[in-house]
Every structure is written in C-alpha cells, then in structure tokens.
Amino acid sequence: MTPTLHSPAPDNRVLIPDLHRRPEDAAGCARHELSGKAFATTWQVVFHADRAIDAIRLQSAAQAYLDRIDAQMSPYRVDSDLTRFNTASDSAYVPLPPMLLQVIRQALNIARMTDGAYDPALLEAVEAWGFGAKTVAPGVLSPVAVQGLKRRADWRSLDWAAHGLIKPAGLRLDLCGIAKGYAVDGLTQILRTTPGIRSALVEIGGELKGFGVRDDGLPYWVEIEGANQRTVIALCDLAVATSGDSRRFFIHDGQILSHTIDAATAAPTRSGVSSVTVFDAACWRADALATALMVMGEDTAMTFCAAHDIPCLMRMQAGHERLSPALEAWL
C-alpha cells in the first residue's frame, strides 16, 4: 500500500470505514515527517502536531523502539532472542523478554483462530524453500525432503513456563508474519502518547496504520496496490496489511510459488490466491490474518471473513478479485 496526499479521483473505488469516534481537529497543525530503516526495509511517519515537537528526539525514540523489536524477534540475526530460542537444546527452558512473549501469544491466538492456516513455527520450511536467510539450491524440494518438513513439531507443541518457553524438539519459530504489524502498532502508540500530536500515518514495509485527520480535515488516504480497480481507503483509527506473491516468489512449471508456506503441505501455498489485503484496528492481527487467508484459498477465506466480520480484499491468480461482506459495507 502507498499513502497519497491527494483526494480520491472521481473514478476511484473509495472505501470509508465506520468511525467509532470523531477525529480531533488538526487545522493549523504543523506537518512533520520521520523515516528510517528497520527489518531489512524502510519505515516512515507523517504526523500533524499543534505545538513544537522535538523531531530529532522523536526520530531517535522511534528508531530505538524498532531496533529493540528486531533485536528480539528477527529469525535472521544470530544474536536475537528468537534465535536464542530457536537454537536452544531440545526441552530446554528459555527465558524470553516480555515483548517477545506477547507477540508469540498473539501469533498462537491467530494460529488457533485459523486452525493452523497461520503457523508461526514454519522457519525450517521457509528456509528449505529458499525464502529465509540461508542460501539454498534453486528448484522444488523432493517429496522425501517435504515429508521430512511435515514431520516437524508445530505450534501446538509449545510449552509455556514462567517468563519463557520450553523448547520442543525440532521446533523453530518465525514471527515475520506478525512482528512488522506489531511494530506498526507500537510506533503508532508512541505517536498517540506524544503531547501535541493530533494525527499520524505510520508505514513500515508497506503496512500502515493511521489515526486522526490531516490539517485540511481530510483523512490519510491510502492506495491499495494491485487492485483491479484503483482503490483508496480512508485510514483513520485503522491498520492495513497485505500478504502476496508479487515480490517474493519463484516459478515452477509455469506456476507462481509464493513465499507463503502452507503448513499442511510444508510447501508454498497453491491456493490460487495472488494477494490478500486485510483491515483491522490492530496491524499485528491484520498482518497474521492476511497470511492465513492466503493459505486458505478463495472460498474458505471468504467464508472465514464472513464468519468473523473481517474486511478483506482478495486478488486471485486467475485475475478476478473478491471483497468480503465487511469490506463491501464500506463502499
């Protein structure tokens, strides 16, 4: 998704969610921007404030917060807390910081909710298929190799202990499908609690969250990339996350195989879904649900969204797209 500073054109498809409260007036507020790098991608913030803001100090606080998440949750850093867990001996007790434990709990909640369509314990399969930090030979894994991946421990094997986890044999966690959304939420909260800031739009690697309105009274408009029709949404007290095959994939026998792994097959999903965009009050939840819906496939995902009132835009490899009932209500 990309922010846009202009009002939607007349031929745009415009999505306007229901607001639970009236946004604060930002008229006369000064516009500020922050940006940096984190999680092997970029982040940026646009905010409006009604008083002088120490932008340098705020920039430093934002970067420090994102660096702390990366130091705890990156599966690619040899010194991260997550790697410390992943490389621990079988059945070992591993103490972990509270923020990391919170994200693992959230990940397991989505795993239970989606019956494992979202699975945070797929790092071995992610790496084996060449989507991790390790370099592997190109091509499709052999059936024997895939069967070996399917016999691994899964998220149901995690055993909680005071201030940490017991390491199940063979289990390695990958929180990339939720940690970036969690970071968006946390960075948004830093801005919300900074005196003088009336509104803001936060973006990390294409995932966004906004609150309030701009100084001209209009919302922060965000364009949804890849939609069949140019689609923009008013992002006010709302987050949006997308999972898809447009950036990380390889092609085998003419079929696009995405980086999204289906736990049931221990292989890239063949659901026929090209991308899923999910809207939610919490970016971490939108992040994880987008991955789960990619795995579920068109019909199951749409039924799931209807049952759980999830606003979702799904684009299929066949070329058509679907809007969930909750999203259609915003038209």
Foldseek 3Di string as FASTA:
>chain_A
DAWDPDDDDPQAAEFEDDDPDAADALAPWDWDKEKDDAPNFIKMKIFTFPDDDPVVVLNVVLVVLRVLLCQAAPCQDCRHLLVVLQPDDAQDWRAGDPVVVVLLVVQVVVCVLLVNLQFQFLPVLLVAQPNDPDHDDHDDDDPVVLVVSLPADTPVPWADDVNTTGRHPRTGGHSPLQSVLVSQVVSVVVQVPDPGTRKMWIDIPHKIAIAGDDNVRAATWDWDPPAPGTYIYRHHLKIKDKDFAPPAWDADPRDTFRSQAGSVRSGGAPQQWGMKMWMDSGRSVRSSLRSSLSRLHDPRSLVSCQVVVIFMWTAGNVGDIDTRPNRVVRD
